[in-house]
């Protein structure tokens, strides 16, 4: 077990709530790093992966940049910039919206779908990393995190 105090070399916290805040932030960074390593061979970032997954969920319908921004896990990301990087890689396509010439529709390409299909094959090995928790513990942690945000 990785103890937070040892990981960040802090002897103690003033209280459990202070430790909880630091622990959630530290764990989020740790998970982001694991995901970035997992996606590196595919040349995409976690934020780009998130956009591809949103677009696959919309497929065959297009999505607007606003919709992507609203549904992203990291809402501070610049969705337009991420879409452009994915477009250059051939994973998404941008089209002028027929109903509103000022708007842009974003669609996932066959190549983007293929990358996600390949990553889907690796989901079980990604999930294995979290099986240090029993399924009931994972369910409890999910409920506690939902309650915390609630």
N, C-alpha and C. Protein backbone atom coordinates (compact mmCIF):
# COMPACT_ATOMS: atom_id res chain seq x y z
N UNK A 1 0.85 -1.18 0.00
CA UNK A 1 0.00 0.00 0.00
C UNK A 1 0.89 1.24 0.00
N UNK A 2 0.57 2.19 -0.89
CA UNK A 2 1.30 3.45 -0.94
C UNK A 2 0.65 4.41 0.04
N UNK A 3 1.37 4.78 1.08
CA UNK A 3 0.84 5.76 2.01
C UNK A 3 1.15 7.15 1.51
N UNK A 4 0.14 8.01 1.51
CA UNK A 4 0.29 9.37 1.01
C UNK A 4 1.44 10.10 1.68
N UNK A 5 1.51 9.99 3.00
CA UNK A 5 2.57 10.69 3.74
C UNK A 5 3.95 10.34 3.22
N UNK A 6 4.17 9.06 2.93
CA UNK A 6 5.48 8.63 2.40
C UNK A 6 5.67 9.11 0.97
N UNK A 7 4.61 9.06 0.16
CA UNK A 7 4.71 9.46 -1.24
C UNK A 7 5.08 10.93 -1.40
N UNK A 8 4.51 11.79 -0.57
CA UNK A 8 4.79 13.22 -0.71
C UNK A 8 5.74 13.72 0.37
N UNK A 9 6.24 12.80 1.18
CA UNK A 9 7.21 13.11 2.25
C UNK A 9 6.69 14.22 3.18
N UNK A 10 5.48 13.98 3.67
CA UNK A 10 4.89 14.89 4.65
C UNK A 10 4.59 14.08 5.90
N UNK A 11 5.09 14.54 7.02
CA UNK A 11 4.97 13.76 8.26
C UNK A 11 3.53 13.59 8.70
N UNK A 12 2.74 14.65 8.63
CA UNK A 12 1.36 14.53 9.10
C UNK A 12 0.49 15.62 8.49
N UNK A 13 -0.81 15.46 8.64
CA UNK A 13 -1.80 16.44 8.20
C UNK A 13 -2.52 16.96 9.44
N UNK A 14 -3.07 18.15 9.35
CA UNK A 14 -3.79 18.73 10.48
C UNK A 14 -5.04 17.94 10.82
N UNK A 15 -5.71 17.40 9.77
CA UNK A 15 -6.91 16.60 10.00
C UNK A 15 -7.16 15.72 8.77
N UNK A 16 -8.14 14.85 8.87
CA UNK A 16 -8.44 13.90 7.78
C UNK A 16 -9.00 14.59 6.54
N UNK A 17 -9.68 15.72 6.72
CA UNK A 17 -10.22 16.44 5.56
C UNK A 17 -9.09 17.06 4.74
N UNK A 18 -8.09 17.60 5.42
CA UNK A 18 -6.92 18.15 4.72
C UNK A 18 -6.20 17.02 3.96
N UNK A 19 -6.06 15.89 4.60
CA UNK A 19 -5.41 14.75 3.95
C UNK A 19 -6.24 14.28 2.75
N UNK A 20 -7.56 14.28 2.89
CA UNK A 20 -8.44 13.86 1.81
C UNK A 20 -8.26 14.74 0.57
N UNK A 21 -8.21 16.04 0.78
CA UNK A 21 -8.03 16.96 -0.34
C UNK A 21 -6.72 16.66 -1.07
N UNK A 22 -5.64 16.56 -0.33
CA UNK A 22 -4.33 16.29 -0.93
C UNK A 22 -4.33 14.91 -1.59
N UNK A 23 -4.95 13.94 -0.94
CA UNK A 23 -4.98 12.57 -1.46
C UNK A 23 -5.73 12.50 -2.80
N UNK A 24 -6.86 13.18 -2.90
CA UNK A 24 -7.63 13.18 -4.15
C UNK A 24 -6.83 13.85 -5.25
N UNK A 25 -6.22 15.00 -4.96
CA UNK A 25 -5.41 15.69 -5.97
C UNK A 25 -4.22 14.84 -6.40
N UNK A 26 -3.54 14.24 -5.43
CA UNK A 26 -2.36 13.41 -5.73
C UNK A 26 -2.78 12.18 -6.55
N UNK A 27 -3.87 11.53 -6.15
CA UNK A 27 -4.34 10.34 -6.84
C UNK A 27 -4.80 10.67 -8.26
N UNK A 28 -5.46 11.81 -8.44
CA UNK A 28 -5.86 12.25 -9.78
C UNK A 28 -4.65 12.43 -10.69
N UNK A 29 -3.60 13.05 -10.16
CA UNK A 29 -2.37 13.22 -10.94
C UNK A 29 -1.73 11.89 -11.27
N UNK A 30 -1.74 10.97 -10.31
CA UNK A 30 -1.17 9.63 -10.51
C UNK A 30 -1.93 8.90 -11.62
N UNK A 31 -3.27 8.98 -11.57
CA UNK A 31 -4.09 8.30 -12.58
C UNK A 31 -3.89 8.94 -13.96
N UNK A 32 -3.78 10.26 -14.00
CA UNK A 32 -3.56 10.96 -15.26
C UNK A 32 -2.23 10.51 -15.87
N UNK A 33 -1.21 10.36 -15.03
CA UNK A 33 0.09 9.89 -15.51
C UNK A 33 0.03 8.47 -16.06
N UNK A 34 -0.70 7.59 -15.38
CA UNK A 34 -0.87 6.21 -15.87
C UNK A 34 -1.57 6.21 -17.22
N UNK A 35 -2.61 7.02 -17.35
CA UNK A 35 -3.35 7.06 -18.60
C UNK A 35 -2.49 7.65 -19.73
N UNK A 36 -1.72 8.67 -19.42
CA UNK A 36 -0.84 9.28 -20.43
C UNK A 36 0.16 8.24 -20.95
N UNK A 37 0.72 7.43 -20.05
CA UNK A 37 1.65 6.35 -20.45
C UNK A 37 0.95 5.35 -21.35
N UNK A 38 -0.28 5.00 -21.00
CA UNK A 38 -1.06 4.01 -21.75
C UNK A 38 -1.38 4.52 -23.16
N UNK A 39 -1.59 5.82 -23.30
CA UNK A 39 -1.98 6.40 -24.59
C UNK A 39 -0.80 6.82 -25.44
N UNK A 40 0.38 6.94 -24.84
CA UNK A 40 1.55 7.43 -25.56
C UNK A 40 1.85 6.67 -26.85
N UNK A 41 1.77 5.33 -26.87
CA UNK A 41 2.05 4.62 -28.13
C UNK A 41 1.08 4.99 -29.26
N UNK A 42 -0.07 5.54 -28.92
CA UNK A 42 -1.07 5.92 -29.93
C UNK A 42 -0.94 7.39 -30.33
N UNK A 43 -0.03 8.10 -29.69
CA UNK A 43 0.21 9.50 -30.02
C UNK A 43 -0.92 10.44 -29.64
N UNK A 44 -1.69 10.06 -28.62
CA UNK A 44 -2.78 10.94 -28.17
C UNK A 44 -2.68 11.18 -26.67
N UNK A 45 -3.20 12.32 -26.26
CA UNK A 45 -3.21 12.68 -24.84
C UNK A 45 -4.51 12.19 -24.19
N UNK A 46 -4.56 12.18 -22.86
CA UNK A 46 -5.82 11.82 -22.20
C UNK A 46 -6.99 12.71 -22.62
N UNK A 47 -6.74 14.00 -22.83
CA UNK A 47 -7.81 14.92 -23.24
C UNK A 47 -8.28 14.59 -24.67
N UNK A 48 -7.33 14.24 -25.56
CA UNK A 48 -7.70 13.87 -26.93
C UNK A 48 -8.48 12.55 -26.92
N UNK A 49 -8.08 11.62 -26.07
CA UNK A 49 -8.79 10.35 -25.91
C UNK A 49 -10.23 10.61 -25.47
N UNK A 50 -10.40 11.53 -24.53
CA UNK A 50 -11.73 11.89 -24.04
C UNK A 50 -12.59 12.43 -25.18
N UNK A 51 -12.04 13.29 -26.01
CA UNK A 51 -12.79 13.82 -27.16
C UNK A 51 -13.16 12.71 -28.12
N UNK A 52 -12.24 11.80 -28.41
CA UNK A 52 -12.55 10.69 -29.32
C UNK A 52 -13.69 9.84 -28.77
N UNK A 53 -13.67 9.59 -27.48
CA UNK A 53 -14.74 8.78 -26.87
C UNK A 53 -16.09 9.50 -26.94
N UNK A 54 -16.10 10.80 -26.72
CA UNK A 54 -17.35 11.57 -26.83
C UNK A 54 -17.86 11.48 -28.26
N UNK A 55 -16.96 11.67 -29.23
CA UNK A 55 -17.36 11.63 -30.64
C UNK A 55 -17.86 10.25 -31.04
N UNK A 56 -17.25 9.20 -30.51
CA UNK A 56 -17.73 7.85 -30.81
C UNK A 56 -19.14 7.67 -30.25
N UNK A 57 -19.39 8.22 -29.07
CA UNK A 57 -20.74 8.14 -28.48
C UNK A 57 -21.78 8.89 -29.31
N UNK A 58 -21.36 9.92 -30.00
CA UNK A 58 -22.25 10.72 -30.85
C UNK A 58 -22.43 10.09 -32.24
N UNK A 59 -21.45 9.29 -32.65
CA UNK A 59 -21.38 8.73 -34.00
C UNK A 59 -22.67 7.99 -34.36
N UNK A 60 -23.25 8.17 -35.53
CA UNK A 60 -22.72 8.88 -36.70
C UNK A 60 -23.04 10.37 -36.72
N UNK A 61 -23.68 10.88 -35.66
CA UNK A 61 -24.01 12.30 -35.61
C UNK A 61 -22.78 13.12 -35.25
N UNK A 62 -22.70 14.33 -35.74
CA UNK A 62 -21.57 15.20 -35.40
C UNK A 62 -21.74 15.82 -34.02
N UNK A 63 -20.68 16.44 -33.54
CA UNK A 63 -20.72 17.18 -32.28
C UNK A 63 -20.17 18.58 -32.55
N UNK A 64 -20.65 19.52 -31.78
CA UNK A 64 -20.09 20.87 -31.87
C UNK A 64 -18.96 20.99 -30.85
N UNK A 65 -18.14 22.00 -31.02
CA UNK A 65 -17.07 22.25 -30.05
C UNK A 65 -17.70 22.51 -28.67
N UNK A 66 -18.81 23.23 -28.62
CA UNK A 66 -19.48 23.49 -27.34
C UNK A 66 -19.91 22.21 -26.65
N UNK A 67 -20.47 21.27 -27.41
CA UNK A 67 -20.89 19.99 -26.81
C UNK A 67 -19.67 19.25 -26.25
N UNK A 68 -18.59 19.22 -27.02
CA UNK A 68 -17.37 18.56 -26.55
C UNK A 68 -16.88 19.20 -25.25
N UNK A 69 -16.86 20.53 -25.22
CA UNK A 69 -16.39 21.26 -24.04
C UNK A 69 -17.25 20.94 -22.82
N UNK A 70 -18.56 20.85 -23.02
CA UNK A 70 -19.48 20.56 -21.90
C UNK A 70 -19.31 19.15 -21.37
N UNK A 71 -18.95 18.22 -22.23
CA UNK A 71 -18.91 16.81 -21.83
C UNK A 71 -17.52 16.33 -21.43
N UNK A 72 -16.50 17.15 -21.64
CA UNK A 72 -15.14 16.73 -21.32
C UNK A 72 -14.93 16.56 -19.82
N UNK A 73 -14.06 15.62 -19.45
CA UNK A 73 -13.72 15.42 -18.05
C UNK A 73 -12.91 16.61 -17.53
N UNK A 74 -12.00 17.12 -18.36
CA UNK A 74 -11.18 18.28 -18.00
C UNK A 74 -11.74 19.48 -18.74
N UNK A 75 -12.64 20.18 -18.09
CA UNK A 75 -13.34 21.28 -18.75
C UNK A 75 -12.46 22.50 -18.98
N UNK A 76 -11.26 22.48 -18.43
CA UNK A 76 -10.34 23.60 -18.63
C UNK A 76 -9.56 23.43 -19.94
N UNK A 77 -9.71 22.28 -20.58
CA UNK A 77 -9.00 22.03 -21.84
C UNK A 77 -9.56 22.90 -22.96
N UNK A 78 -8.72 23.22 -23.92
CA UNK A 78 -9.13 23.97 -25.10
C UNK A 78 -9.60 22.97 -26.15
N UNK A 79 -10.90 22.75 -26.23
CA UNK A 79 -11.46 21.74 -27.13
C UNK A 79 -11.11 22.02 -28.59
N UNK A 80 -11.14 23.29 -29.00
CA UNK A 80 -10.82 23.63 -30.40
C UNK A 80 -9.40 23.20 -30.76
N UNK A 81 -8.46 23.48 -29.87
CA UNK A 81 -7.06 23.12 -30.11
C UNK A 81 -6.90 21.60 -30.15
N UNK A 82 -7.56 20.89 -29.24
CA UNK A 82 -7.48 19.44 -29.21
C UNK A 82 -8.07 18.82 -30.47
N UNK A 83 -9.20 19.36 -30.92
CA UNK A 83 -9.83 18.86 -32.15
C UNK A 83 -8.89 19.07 -33.34
N UNK A 84 -8.24 20.22 -33.39
CA UNK A 84 -7.33 20.49 -34.51
C UNK A 84 -6.16 19.50 -34.51
N UNK A 85 -5.63 19.19 -33.35
CA UNK A 85 -4.53 18.20 -33.28
C UNK A 85 -5.02 16.82 -33.75
N UNK A 86 -6.24 16.46 -33.36
CA UNK A 86 -6.81 15.18 -33.80
C UNK A 86 -7.09 15.19 -35.30
N UNK A 87 -7.50 16.34 -35.83
CA UNK A 87 -7.75 16.47 -37.28
C UNK A 87 -6.45 16.25 -38.07
N UNK A 88 -5.37 16.86 -37.61
CA UNK A 88 -4.08 16.72 -38.27
C UNK A 88 -3.64 15.24 -38.28
N UNK A 89 -4.00 14.51 -37.24
CA UNK A 89 -3.65 13.08 -37.14
C UNK A 89 -4.61 12.20 -37.95
N UNK A 90 -5.65 12.80 -38.51
CA UNK A 90 -6.62 12.03 -39.30
C UNK A 90 -7.66 11.30 -38.47
N UNK A 91 -7.79 11.64 -37.20
CA UNK A 91 -8.71 10.92 -36.31
C UNK A 91 -10.10 11.56 -36.23
N UNK A 92 -10.18 12.84 -36.59
CA UNK A 92 -11.46 13.53 -36.64
C UNK A 92 -11.50 14.40 -37.90
N UNK A 93 -12.69 14.83 -38.21
CA UNK A 93 -12.88 15.70 -39.37
C UNK A 93 -13.78 16.85 -38.92
N UNK A 94 -13.48 18.03 -39.45
CA UNK A 94 -14.29 19.23 -39.17
C UNK A 94 -15.07 19.58 -40.42
N UNK A 95 -16.35 19.91 -40.23
CA UNK A 95 -17.20 20.33 -41.36
C UNK A 95 -18.01 21.55 -40.93
N UNK A 96 -18.25 22.42 -41.88
CA UNK A 96 -19.13 23.55 -41.60
C UNK A 96 -20.54 23.02 -41.42
N UNK A 97 -21.19 23.46 -40.37
CA UNK A 97 -22.55 23.03 -40.07
C UNK A 97 -23.50 23.58 -41.14
N UNK A 98 -24.29 22.71 -41.78
CA UNK A 98 -25.18 23.19 -42.84
C UNK A 98 -26.26 24.15 -42.33
N UNK A 99 -26.71 23.97 -41.07
CA UNK A 99 -27.76 24.83 -40.52
C UNK A 99 -27.22 26.20 -40.07
N UNK A 100 -25.95 26.23 -39.66
CA UNK A 100 -25.36 27.47 -39.15
C UNK A 100 -23.93 27.56 -39.67
N UNK A 101 -23.71 28.34 -40.69
CA UNK A 101 -22.40 28.42 -41.36
C UNK A 101 -21.29 28.86 -40.42
N UNK A 102 -21.64 29.49 -39.28
CA UNK A 102 -20.61 29.93 -38.33
C UNK A 102 -20.15 28.78 -37.44
N UNK A 103 -20.97 27.76 -37.31
CA UNK A 103 -20.66 26.63 -36.43
C UNK A 103 -19.87 25.57 -37.19
N UNK A 104 -19.14 24.77 -36.43
CA UNK A 104 -18.35 23.69 -37.01
C UNK A 104 -18.80 22.38 -36.39
N UNK A 105 -19.07 21.39 -37.24
CA UNK A 105 -19.38 20.04 -36.78
C UNK A 105 -18.09 19.23 -36.75
N UNK A 106 -17.97 18.40 -35.74
CA UNK A 106 -16.79 17.54 -35.61
C UNK A 106 -17.28 16.10 -35.63
N UNK A 107 -16.62 15.29 -36.47
CA UNK A 107 -16.97 13.87 -36.59
C UNK A 107 -15.72 13.02 -36.41
N UNK A 108 -15.89 11.86 -35.81
CA UNK A 108 -14.79 10.92 -35.70
C UNK A 108 -14.64 10.20 -37.05
N UNK A 109 -13.40 9.96 -37.46
CA UNK A 109 -13.15 9.26 -38.73
C UNK A 109 -13.05 7.76 -38.48
N UNK A 110 -13.00 7.00 -39.57
CA UNK A 110 -12.81 5.55 -39.46
C UNK A 110 -11.49 5.25 -38.74
N UNK A 111 -10.48 6.05 -39.01
CA UNK A 111 -9.18 5.87 -38.35
C UNK A 111 -9.31 6.14 -36.84
N UNK A 112 -10.08 7.16 -36.47
CA UNK A 112 -10.31 7.44 -35.06
C UNK A 112 -11.05 6.30 -34.37
N UNK A 113 -12.05 5.76 -35.06
CA UNK A 113 -12.79 4.60 -34.51
C UNK A 113 -11.88 3.39 -34.36
N UNK A 114 -10.96 3.21 -35.31
CA UNK A 114 -10.02 2.07 -35.25
C UNK A 114 -9.07 2.20 -34.06
N UNK A 115 -8.60 3.41 -33.80
CA UNK A 115 -7.71 3.64 -32.64
C UNK A 115 -8.46 3.30 -31.36
N UNK A 116 -9.71 3.76 -31.24
CA UNK A 116 -10.50 3.46 -30.04
C UNK A 116 -10.77 1.97 -29.92
N UNK A 117 -11.03 1.30 -31.04
CA UNK A 117 -11.28 -0.15 -30.99
C UNK A 117 -10.03 -0.88 -30.48
N UNK A 118 -8.88 -0.43 -30.91
CA UNK A 118 -7.62 -1.04 -30.44
C UNK A 118 -7.43 -0.77 -28.94
N UNK A 119 -7.71 0.44 -28.52
CA UNK A 119 -7.59 0.77 -27.09
C UNK A 119 -8.62 -0.01 -26.26
N UNK A 120 -9.81 -0.23 -26.81
CA UNK A 120 -10.83 -1.01 -26.11
C UNK A 120 -10.33 -2.41 -25.77
N UNK A 121 -9.50 -2.97 -26.64
CA UNK A 121 -8.95 -4.30 -26.39
C UNK A 121 -8.04 -4.32 -25.16
N UNK A 122 -7.52 -3.14 -24.81
CA UNK A 122 -6.58 -3.04 -23.69
C UNK A 122 -7.25 -2.60 -22.38
N UNK A 123 -8.57 -2.35 -22.42
CA UNK A 123 -9.28 -1.90 -21.22
C UNK A 123 -9.12 -2.90 -20.06
N UNK A 124 -9.25 -4.21 -20.29
CA UNK A 124 -9.10 -5.13 -19.14
C UNK A 124 -7.76 -5.00 -18.43
N UNK A 125 -6.67 -4.80 -19.19
CA UNK A 125 -5.37 -4.65 -18.52
C UNK A 125 -5.30 -3.33 -17.76
N UNK A 126 -5.97 -2.28 -18.27
CA UNK A 126 -6.04 -0.99 -17.57
C UNK A 126 -6.83 -1.15 -16.28
N UNK A 127 -7.97 -1.87 -16.35
CA UNK A 127 -8.80 -2.08 -15.17
C UNK A 127 -8.08 -2.94 -14.13
N UNK A 128 -7.24 -3.87 -14.58
CA UNK A 128 -6.50 -4.73 -13.65
C UNK A 128 -5.67 -3.90 -12.67
N UNK A 129 -5.20 -2.75 -13.13
CA UNK A 129 -4.39 -1.88 -12.28
C UNK A 129 -5.17 -1.42 -11.05
N UNK A 130 -6.51 -1.42 -11.15
CA UNK A 130 -7.36 -0.93 -10.07
C UNK A 130 -7.97 -2.05 -9.25
N UNK A 131 -7.60 -3.28 -9.57
CA UNK A 131 -8.19 -4.41 -8.86
C UNK A 131 -7.49 -4.70 -7.53
N UNK A 132 -6.68 -3.72 -7.06
CA UNK A 132 -6.21 -3.79 -5.68
C UNK A 132 -7.40 -3.53 -4.76
N UNK A 133 -8.46 -2.94 -5.33
CA UNK A 133 -9.72 -2.77 -4.63
C UNK A 133 -10.67 -3.89 -5.05
N UNK A 134 -11.40 -4.45 -4.10
CA UNK A 134 -12.45 -5.41 -4.44
C UNK A 134 -13.56 -4.64 -5.15
N UNK A 135 -14.40 -5.34 -5.91
CA UNK A 135 -15.47 -4.67 -6.63
C UNK A 135 -16.40 -3.90 -5.69
N UNK A 136 -16.67 -4.47 -4.52
CA UNK A 136 -17.53 -3.79 -3.53
C UNK A 136 -16.84 -2.51 -3.03
N UNK A 137 -15.51 -2.55 -2.87
CA UNK A 137 -14.78 -1.35 -2.45
C UNK A 137 -14.81 -0.29 -3.55
N UNK A 138 -14.67 -0.71 -4.80
CA UNK A 138 -14.73 0.22 -5.93
C UNK A 138 -16.11 0.87 -5.98
N UNK A 139 -17.16 0.09 -5.75
CA UNK A 139 -18.52 0.62 -5.73
C UNK A 139 -18.68 1.62 -4.59
N UNK A 140 -18.16 1.28 -3.42
CA UNK A 140 -18.24 2.18 -2.26
C UNK A 140 -17.47 3.47 -2.54
N UNK A 141 -16.29 3.37 -3.12
CA UNK A 141 -15.49 4.56 -3.43
C UNK A 141 -16.22 5.44 -4.45
N UNK A 142 -16.81 4.81 -5.46
CA UNK A 142 -17.61 5.57 -6.44
C UNK A 142 -18.73 6.33 -5.75
N UNK A 143 -19.44 5.66 -4.85
CA UNK A 143 -20.55 6.30 -4.14
C UNK A 143 -20.04 7.45 -3.26
N UNK A 144 -18.91 7.25 -2.60
CA UNK A 144 -18.35 8.30 -1.74
C UNK A 144 -17.90 9.51 -2.57
N UNK A 145 -17.30 9.26 -3.71
CA UNK A 145 -16.86 10.38 -4.57
C UNK A 145 -18.07 11.13 -5.13
N UNK A 146 -19.11 10.38 -5.51
CA UNK A 146 -20.35 11.04 -5.98
C UNK A 146 -20.93 11.89 -4.85
N UNK A 147 -20.94 11.35 -3.62
CA UNK A 147 -21.48 12.08 -2.46
C UNK A 147 -20.65 13.33 -2.20
N UNK A 148 -19.34 13.23 -2.33
CA UNK A 148 -18.45 14.37 -2.09
C UNK A 148 -18.75 15.50 -3.06
N UNK A 149 -18.98 15.17 -4.32
CA UNK A 149 -19.28 16.20 -5.33
C UNK A 149 -20.72 16.69 -5.21
N UNK A 150 -21.60 15.88 -4.58
CA UNK A 150 -23.02 16.16 -4.53
C UNK A 150 -23.38 17.37 -3.74
